[in-house]
Amino acid sequence: EPQLVVYGVTFFASEAILVWGVFILPFAAQIAGVDCHCGLDLLLGQFHALIEDLKELL
């Protein structure tokens, strides 16, 4: 049962990172006037980190 709790917490943390990276950062970059390429690089970096976290879970 402790593994299930840790998995649940990690899963929700990964979802929060995904929501942050997909929905919030692009809008923040546009509002701040950041170049689109920099925002895309930041998003790709976050997706890479998310994929690495998911690999560790599996």
PDB file of N, CA and C in Angstrom:
ATOM      1  N   GLU A   1       0.809  -1.207   0.000  1.00  0.00           N
ATOM      2  CA  GLU A   1       0.000   0.000   0.000  1.00  0.00           C
ATOM      3  C   GLU A   1       0.854   1.275   0.000  1.00  0.00           C
ATOM      4  N   PRO A   2       1.999   1.336   0.692  1.00  0.00           N
ATOM      5  CA  PRO A   2       2.816   2.560   0.612  1.00  0.00           C
ATOM      6  C   PRO A   2       3.268   2.877  -0.806  1.00  0.00           C
ATOM      7  N   GLN A   3       3.544   1.842  -1.613  1.00  0.00           N
ATOM      8  CA  GLN A   3       3.949   2.097  -2.998  1.00  0.00           C
ATOM      9  C   GLN A   3       2.829   2.760  -3.773  1.00  0.00           C
ATOM     10  N   LEU A   4       1.601   2.361  -3.506  1.00  0.00           N
ATOM     11  CA  LEU A   4       0.450   2.935  -4.189  1.00  0.00           C
ATOM     12  C   LEU A   4       0.317   4.414  -3.861  1.00  0.00           C
ATOM     13  N   VAL A   5       0.536   4.767  -2.607  1.00  0.00           N
ATOM     14  CA  VAL A   5       0.454   6.171  -2.200  1.00  0.00           C
ATOM     15  C   VAL A   5       1.538   6.980  -2.891  1.00  0.00           C
ATOM     16  N   VAL A   6       2.765   6.464  -2.917  1.00  0.00           N
ATOM     17  CA  VAL A   6       3.868   7.170  -3.572  1.00  0.00           C
ATOM     18  C   VAL A   6       3.586   7.313  -5.059  1.00  0.00           C
ATOM     19  N   TYR A   7       3.070   6.259  -5.691  1.00  0.00           N
ATOM     20  CA  TYR A   7       2.745   6.322  -7.114  1.00  0.00           C
ATOM     21  C   TYR A   7       1.672   7.375  -7.369  1.00  0.00           C
ATOM     22  N   GLY A   8       0.649   7.427  -6.515  1.00  0.00           N
ATOM     23  CA  GLY A   8      -0.422   8.408  -6.683  1.00  0.00           C
ATOM     24  C   GLY A   8       0.093   9.827  -6.557  1.00  0.00           C
ATOM     25  N   VAL A   9       0.937  10.072  -5.576  1.00  0.00           N
ATOM     26  CA  VAL A   9       1.499  11.414  -5.390  1.00  0.00           C
ATOM     27  C   VAL A   9       2.366  11.789  -6.580  1.00  0.00           C
ATOM     28  N   THR A  10       3.186  10.859  -7.046  1.00  0.00           N
ATOM     29  CA  THR A  10       4.054  11.126  -8.190  1.00  0.00           C
ATOM     30  C   THR A  10       3.237  11.362  -9.449  1.00  0.00           C
ATOM     31  N   PHE A  11       2.167  10.587  -9.630  1.00  0.00           N
ATOM     32  CA  PHE A  11       1.313  10.744 -10.804  1.00  0.00           C
ATOM     33  C   PHE A  11       0.677  12.128 -10.821  1.00  0.00           C
ATOM     34  N   PHE A  12       0.151  12.570  -9.689  1.00  0.00           N
ATOM     35  CA  PHE A  12      -0.482  13.885  -9.646  1.00  0.00           C
ATOM     36  C   PHE A  12       0.539  15.001  -9.811  1.00  0.00           C
ATOM     37  N   ALA A  13       1.746  14.802  -9.303  1.00  0.00           N
ATOM     38  CA  ALA A  13       2.795  15.802  -9.500  1.00  0.00           C
ATOM     39  C   ALA A  13       3.163  15.891 -10.976  1.00  0.00           C
ATOM     40  N   SER A  14       3.224  14.753 -11.656  1.00  0.00           N
ATOM     41  CA  SER A  14       3.529  14.753 -13.091  1.00  0.00           C
ATOM     42  C   SER A  14       2.425  15.434 -13.884  1.00  0.00           C
ATOM     43  N   GLU A  15       1.177  15.214 -13.493  1.00  0.00           N
ATOM     44  CA  GLU A  15       0.068  15.885 -14.170  1.00  0.00           C
ATOM     45  C   GLU A  15       0.144  17.390 -13.971  1.00  0.00           C
ATOM     46  N   ALA A  16       0.512  17.815 -12.770  1.00  0.00           N
ATOM     47  CA  ALA A  16       0.621  19.250 -12.502  1.00  0.00           C
ATOM     48  C   ALA A  16       1.715  19.868 -13.363  1.00  0.00           C
ATOM     49  N   ILE A  17       2.829  19.169 -13.523  1.00  0.00           N
ATOM     50  CA  ILE A  17       3.918  19.665 -14.372  1.00  0.00           C
ATOM     51  C   ILE A  17       3.455  19.744 -15.817  1.00  0.00           C
ATOM     52  N   LEU A  18       2.713  18.737 -16.265  1.00  0.00           N
ATOM     53  CA  LEU A  18       2.218  18.727 -17.638  1.00  0.00           C
ATOM     54  C   LEU A  18       1.263  19.892 -17.880  1.00  0.00           C
ATOM     55  N   VAL A  19       0.333  20.109 -16.958  1.00  0.00           N
ATOM     56  CA  VAL A  19      -0.615  21.221 -17.105  1.00  0.00           C
ATOM     57  C   VAL A  19       0.138  22.541 -17.106  1.00  0.00           C
ATOM     58  N   TRP A  20       1.100  22.674 -16.209  1.00  0.00           N
ATOM     59  CA  TRP A  20       1.892  23.905 -16.141  1.00  0.00           C
ATOM     60  C   TRP A  20       2.625  24.136 -17.457  1.00  0.00           C
ATOM     61  N   GLY A  21       3.263  23.104 -17.985  1.00  0.00           N
ATOM     62  CA  GLY A  21       4.050  23.244 -19.208  1.00  0.00           C
ATOM     63  C   GLY A  21       3.223  23.468 -20.447  1.00  0.00           C
ATOM     64  N   VAL A  22       2.059  22.830 -20.526  1.00  0.00           N
ATOM     65  CA  VAL A  22       1.261  22.912 -21.745  1.00  0.00           C
ATOM     66  C   VAL A  22       0.386  24.153 -21.775  1.00  0.00           C
ATOM     67  N   PHE A  23      -0.211  24.510 -20.668  1.00  0.00           N
ATOM     68  CA  PHE A  23      -1.209  25.569 -20.682  1.00  0.00           C
ATOM     69  C   PHE A  23      -0.723  26.906 -20.136  1.00  0.00           C
ATOM     70  N   ILE A  24       0.033  26.893 -19.076  1.00  0.00           N
ATOM     71  CA  ILE A  24       0.372  28.146 -18.400  1.00  0.00           C
ATOM     72  C   ILE A  24       1.591  28.820 -19.014  1.00  0.00           C
ATOM     73  N   LEU A  25       2.667  28.092 -19.243  1.00  0.00           N
ATOM     74  CA  LEU A  25       3.895  28.716 -19.739  1.00  0.00           C
ATOM     75  C   LEU A  25       3.756  29.386 -21.106  1.00  0.00           C
ATOM     76  N   PRO A  26       3.064  28.783 -22.074  1.00  0.00           N
ATOM     77  CA  PRO A  26       2.936  29.489 -23.366  1.00  0.00           C
ATOM     78  C   PRO A  26       2.222  30.833 -23.242  1.00  0.00           C
ATOM     79  N   PHE A  27       1.186  30.880 -22.408  1.00  0.00           N
ATOM     80  CA  PHE A  27       0.474  32.139 -22.223  1.00  0.00           C
ATOM     81  C   PHE A  27       1.336  33.156 -21.487  1.00  0.00           C
ATOM     82  N   ALA A  28       2.077  32.688 -20.491  1.00  0.00           N
ATOM     83  CA  ALA A  28       2.956  33.594 -19.758  1.00  0.00           C
ATOM     84  C   ALA A  28       4.038  34.149 -20.676  1.00  0.00           C
ATOM     85  N   ALA A  29       4.546  33.318 -21.576  1.00  0.00           N
ATOM     86  CA  ALA A  29       5.576  33.778 -22.509  1.00  0.00           C
ATOM     87  C   ALA A  29       5.014  34.832 -23.455  1.00  0.00           C
ATOM     88  N   GLN A  30       3.783  34.650 -23.909  1.00  0.00           N
ATOM     89  CA  GLN A  30       3.178  35.636 -24.804  1.00  0.00           C
ATOM     90  C   GLN A  30       2.915  36.943 -24.078  1.00  0.00           C
ATOM     91  N   ILE A  31       2.432  36.854 -22.856  1.00  0.00           N
ATOM     92  CA  ILE A  31       2.136  38.066 -22.089  1.00  0.00           C
ATOM     93  C   ILE A  31       3.416  38.833 -21.799  1.00  0.00           C
ATOM     94  N   ALA A  32       4.477  38.108 -21.455  1.00  0.00           N
ATOM     95  CA  ALA A  32       5.744  38.754 -21.120  1.00  0.00           C
ATOM     96  C   ALA A  32       6.492  39.221 -22.359  1.00  0.00           C
ATOM     97  N   GLY A  33       6.046  38.816 -23.539  1.00  0.00           N
ATOM     98  CA  GLY A  33       6.711  39.220 -24.771  1.00  0.00           C
ATOM     99  C   GLY A  33       7.974  38.435 -25.047  1.00  0.00           C
ATOM    100  N   VAL A  34       8.068  37.228 -24.502  1.00  0.00           N
ATOM    101  CA  VAL A  34       9.239  36.387 -24.718  1.00  0.00           C
ATOM    102  C   VAL A  34       9.159  35.801 -26.122  1.00  0.00           C
ATOM    103  N   ASP A  35      10.284  35.685 -26.771  1.00  0.00           N
ATOM    104  CA  ASP A  35      10.331  35.105 -28.110  1.00  0.00           C
ATOM    105  C   ASP A  35       9.754  33.692 -28.094  1.00  0.00           C
ATOM    106  N   CYS A  36       9.007  33.332 -29.114  1.00  0.00           N
ATOM    107  CA  CYS A  36       8.330  32.028 -29.169  1.00  0.00           C
ATOM    108  C   CYS A  36       9.319  30.870 -29.123  1.00  0.00           C
ATOM    109  N   HIS A  37      10.475  31.021 -29.736  1.00  0.00           N
ATOM    110  CA  HIS A  37      11.435  29.926 -29.760  1.00  0.00           C
ATOM    111  C   HIS A  37      11.948  29.617 -28.361  1.00  0.00           C
ATOM    112  N   CYS A  38      12.131  30.639 -27.552  1.00  0.00           N
ATOM    113  CA  CYS A  38      12.589  30.405 -26.178  1.00  0.00           C
ATOM    114  C   CYS A  38      11.520  29.663 -25.390  1.00  0.00           C
ATOM    115  N   GLY A  39      10.265  30.052 -25.594  1.00  0.00           N
ATOM    116  CA  GLY A  39       9.170  29.364 -24.912  1.00  0.00           C
ATOM    117  C   GLY A  39       9.086  27.909 -25.333  1.00  0.00           C
ATOM    118  N   LEU A  40       9.296  27.640 -26.617  1.00  0.00           N
ATOM    119  CA  LEU A  40       9.253  26.269 -27.114  1.00  0.00           C
ATOM    120  C   LEU A  40      10.398  25.453 -26.532  1.00  0.00           C
ATOM    121  N   ASP A  41      11.579  26.026 -26.445  1.00  0.00           N
ATOM    122  CA  ASP A  41      12.716  25.325 -25.851  1.00  0.00           C
ATOM    123  C   ASP A  41      12.426  24.971 -24.399  1.00  0.00           C
ATOM    124  N   LEU A  42      11.810  25.899 -23.681  1.00  0.00           N
ATOM    125  CA  LEU A  42      11.470  25.656 -22.287  1.00  0.00           C
ATOM    126  C   LEU A  42      10.458  24.525 -22.174  1.00  0.00           C
ATOM    127  N   LEU A  43       9.446  24.532 -23.039  1.00  0.00           N
ATOM    128  CA  LEU A  43       8.440  23.469 -23.019  1.00  0.00           C
ATOM    129  C   LEU A  43       9.051  22.115 -23.348  1.00  0.00           C
ATOM    130  N   LEU A  44       9.924  22.066 -24.337  1.00  0.00           N
ATOM    131  CA  LEU A  44      10.562  20.801 -24.698  1.00  0.00           C
ATOM    132  C   LEU A  44      11.411  20.268 -23.553  1.00  0.00           C
ATOM    133  N   GLY A  45      12.083  21.161 -22.854  1.00  0.00           N
ATOM    134  CA  GLY A  45      12.871  20.747 -21.697  1.00  0.00           C
ATOM    135  C   GLY A  45      12.002  20.161 -20.603  1.00  0.00           C
ATOM    136  N   GLN A  46      10.828  20.754 -20.389  1.00  0.00           N
ATOM    137  CA  GLN A  46       9.928  20.233 -19.367  1.00  0.00           C
ATOM    138  C   GLN A  46       9.327  18.898 -19.783  1.00  0.00           C
ATOM    139  N   PHE A  47       8.988  18.749 -21.064  1.00  0.00           N
ATOM    140  CA  PHE A  47       8.474  17.468 -21.529  1.00  0.00           C
ATOM    141  C   PHE A  47       9.526  16.377 -21.376  1.00  0.00           C
ATOM    142  N   HIS A  48      10.785  16.705 -21.631  1.00  0.00           N
ATOM    143  CA  HIS A  48      11.861  15.730 -21.466  1.00  0.00           C
ATOM    144  C   HIS A  48      11.933  15.283 -20.005  1.00  0.00           C
ATOM    145  N   ALA A  49      11.853  16.229 -19.080  1.00  0.00           N
ATOM    146  CA  ALA A  49      11.899  15.887 -17.658  1.00  0.00           C
ATOM    147  C   ALA A  49      10.700  15.026 -17.270  1.00  0.00           C
ATOM    148  N   LEU A  50       9.531  15.331 -17.809  1.00  0.00           N
ATOM    149  CA  LEU A  50       8.338  14.550 -17.513  1.00  0.00           C
ATOM    150  C   LEU A  50       8.470  13.123 -18.034  1.00  0.00           C
ATOM    151  N   ILE A  51       8.996  12.970 -19.239  1.00  0.00           N
ATOM    152  CA  ILE A  51       9.181  11.639 -19.816  1.00  0.00           C
ATOM    153  C   ILE A  51      10.190  10.841 -18.999  1.00  0.00           C
ATOM    154  N   GLU A  52      11.248  11.484 -18.546  1.00  0.00           N
ATOM    155  CA  GLU A  52      12.238  10.789 -17.718  1.00  0.00           C
ATOM    156  C   GLU A  52      11.610  10.336 -16.407  1.00  0.00           C
ATOM    157  N   ASP A  53      10.754  11.166 -15.801  1.00  0.00           N
ATOM    158  CA  ASP A  53      10.072  10.773 -14.568  1.00  0.00           C
ATOM    159  C   ASP A  53       9.169   9.573 -14.811  1.00  0.00           C
ATOM    160  N   LEU A  54       8.454   9.577 -15.927  1.00  0.00           N
ATOM    161  CA  LEU A  54       7.569   8.454 -16.235  1.00  0.00           C
ATOM    162  C   LEU A  54       8.357   7.177 -16.498  1.00  0.00           C
ATOM    163  N   LYS A  55       9.528   7.290 -17.118  1.00  0.00           N
ATOM    164  CA  LYS A  55      10.376   6.111 -17.359  1.00  0.00           C
ATOM    165  C   LYS A  55      10.803   5.488 -16.035  1.00  0.00           C
ATOM    166  N   GLU A  56      11.119   6.329 -15.055  1.00  0.00           N
ATOM    167  CA  GLU A  56      11.546   5.818 -13.756  1.00  0.00           C
ATOM    168  C   GLU A  56      10.411   5.074 -13.062  1.00  0.00           C
ATOM    169  N   LEU A  57       9.172   5.525 -13.270  1.00  0.00           N
ATOM    170  CA  LEU A  57       8.035   4.851 -12.649  1.00  0.00           C
ATOM    171  C   LEU A  57       7.786   3.480 -13.256  1.00  0.00           C
ATOM    172  N   LEU A  58       8.049   3.368 -14.545  1.00  0.00           N
ATOM    173  CA  LEU A  58       7.793   2.090 -15.216  1.00  0.00           C
ATOM    174  C   LEU A  58       8.975   1.193 -15.010  1.00  0.00           C
TER     175      LEU A  58
END
